Amino acid sequence: MTISWFQAALLGLFACLSSMPGLGGTSIGNYTLGRPLVSGLVSGLILGDVRLGIICGLRCNLFISLQ
């Protein structure tokens, strides 16, 4: 899979918004954007494979809940 510059910029912007509360995390929902399932969904939308993004987010979410 090849990632374009635009996709990389969108992923970087999403990571910035979801991790820093002052840049939009609290207005959009910092606790929602930081969840693995939501992050996987948004990453899948940006990269063009929503199913794989949800699967990766679900696996990360299950791993976190089992600890």
C-alpha atoms as a PDB file:
ATOM      1  CA  MET A   1       0.000   0.000   0.000  1.00  0.00           C
ATOM      2  CA  THR A   2       1.279   3.438  -0.894  1.00  0.00           C
ATOM      3  CA  ILE A   3       0.321   6.453   1.211  1.00  0.00           C
ATOM      4  CA  SER A   4       0.131   9.814  -0.519  1.00  0.00           C
ATOM      5  CA  TRP A   5       1.336  13.056   1.014  1.00  0.00           C
ATOM      6  CA  PHE A   6      -2.255  14.183   1.461  1.00  0.00           C
ATOM      7  CA  GLN A   7      -3.173  11.027   3.389  1.00  0.00           C
ATOM      8  CA  ALA A   8      -0.076  11.385   5.559  1.00  0.00           C
ATOM      9  CA  ALA A   9      -1.002  14.993   6.306  1.00  0.00           C
ATOM     10  CA  LEU A  10      -4.561  13.986   7.219  1.00  0.00           C
ATOM     11  CA  LEU A  11      -3.302  11.216   9.506  1.00  0.00           C
ATOM     12  CA  GLY A  12      -0.919  13.653  11.177  1.00  0.00           C
ATOM     13  CA  LEU A  13      -3.688  16.208  11.643  1.00  0.00           C
ATOM     14  CA  PHE A  14      -5.973  13.550  13.120  1.00  0.00           C
ATOM     15  CA  ALA A  15      -3.233  12.367  15.480  1.00  0.00           C
ATOM     16  CA  CYS A  16      -2.620  15.940  16.585  1.00  0.00           C
ATOM     17  CA  LEU A  17      -6.319  16.631  17.163  1.00  0.00           C
ATOM     18  CA  SER A  18      -6.911  13.411  19.052  1.00  0.00           C
ATOM     19  CA  SER A  19      -3.897  13.665  21.351  1.00  0.00           C
ATOM     20  CA  MET A  20      -3.742  17.342  22.316  1.00  0.00           C
ATOM     21  CA  PRO A  21      -6.747  18.623  24.244  1.00  0.00           C
ATOM     22  CA  GLY A  22      -6.050  22.268  23.422  1.00  0.00           C
ATOM     23  CA  LEU A  23      -6.126  21.778  19.650  1.00  0.00           C
ATOM     24  CA  GLY A  24      -9.610  20.359  19.289  1.00  0.00           C
ATOM     25  CA  GLY A  25      -9.617  17.247  21.396  1.00  0.00           C
ATOM     26  CA  THR A  26     -11.911  18.726  24.027  1.00  0.00           C
ATOM     27  CA  SER A  27     -14.241  20.467  21.587  1.00  0.00           C
ATOM     28  CA  ILE A  28     -14.686  17.366  19.432  1.00  0.00           C
ATOM     29  CA  GLY A  29     -14.345  14.910  22.286  1.00  0.00           C
ATOM     30  CA  ASN A  30     -10.860  14.005  23.445  1.00  0.00           C
ATOM     31  CA  TYR A  31     -11.992  10.802  25.065  1.00  0.00           C
ATOM     32  CA  THR A  32     -13.856   9.743  21.936  1.00  0.00           C
ATOM     33  CA  LEU A  33     -11.105  10.476  19.407  1.00  0.00           C
ATOM     34  CA  GLY A  34      -8.475   8.746  21.518  1.00  0.00           C
ATOM     35  CA  ARG A  35     -10.320   5.419  21.553  1.00  0.00           C
ATOM     36  CA  PRO A  36      -8.732   2.713  19.394  1.00  0.00           C
ATOM     37  CA  LEU A  37     -11.971   1.786  17.624  1.00  0.00           C
ATOM     38  CA  VAL A  38     -12.704   5.380  16.601  1.00  0.00           C
ATOM     39  CA  SER A  39      -9.078   5.966  15.650  1.00  0.00           C
ATOM     40  CA  GLY A  40      -9.105   2.810  13.541  1.00  0.00           C
ATOM     41  CA  LEU A  41     -12.301   3.897  11.821  1.00  0.00           C
ATOM     42  CA  VAL A  42     -10.972   7.350  10.955  1.00  0.00           C
ATOM     43  CA  SER A  43      -7.624   5.940   9.828  1.00  0.00           C
ATOM     44  CA  GLY A  44      -9.434   3.395   7.682  1.00  0.00           C
ATOM     45  CA  LEU A  45     -11.528   6.155   6.125  1.00  0.00           C
ATOM     46  CA  ILE A  46      -8.435   8.199   5.318  1.00  0.00           C
ATOM     47  CA  LEU A  47      -6.478   5.246   3.920  1.00  0.00           C
ATOM     48  CA  GLY A  48      -9.402   3.756   2.006  1.00  0.00           C
ATOM     49  CA  ASP A  49      -9.855   0.467   3.884  1.00  0.00           C
ATOM     50  CA  VAL A  50     -12.527   0.989   6.525  1.00  0.00           C
ATOM     51  CA  ARG A  51     -12.952  -2.719   7.280  1.00  0.00           C
ATOM     52  CA  LEU A  52      -9.278  -3.213   8.115  1.00  0.00           C
ATOM     53  CA  GLY A  53      -9.215  -0.010  10.164  1.00  0.00           C
ATOM     54  CA  ILE A  54     -12.147  -1.203  12.284  1.00  0.00           C
ATOM     55  CA  ILE A  55     -10.568  -4.644  12.737  1.00  0.00           C
ATOM     56  CA  CYS A  56      -7.270  -3.102  13.902  1.00  0.00           C
ATOM     57  CA  GLY A  57      -9.092  -0.727  16.244  1.00  0.00           C
ATOM     58  CA  LEU A  58     -11.180  -3.567  17.655  1.00  0.00           C
ATOM     59  CA  ARG A  59      -8.123  -5.713  18.319  1.00  0.00           C
ATOM     60  CA  CYS A  60      -6.369  -2.840  20.084  1.00  0.00           C
ATOM     61  CA  ASN A  61      -9.494  -2.125  22.112  1.00  0.00           C
ATOM     62  CA  LEU A  62      -9.786  -5.778  23.149  1.00  0.00           C
ATOM     63  CA  PHE A  63      -6.120  -5.911  24.090  1.00  0.00           C
ATOM     64  CA  ILE A  64      -6.509  -2.829  26.294  1.00  0.00           C
ATOM     65  CA  SER A  65      -9.641  -4.186  27.997  1.00  0.00           C
ATOM     66  CA  LEU A  66      -7.994  -7.541  28.789  1.00  0.00           C
ATOM     67  CA  GLN A  67      -5.157  -5.964  30.740  1.00  0.00           C
END
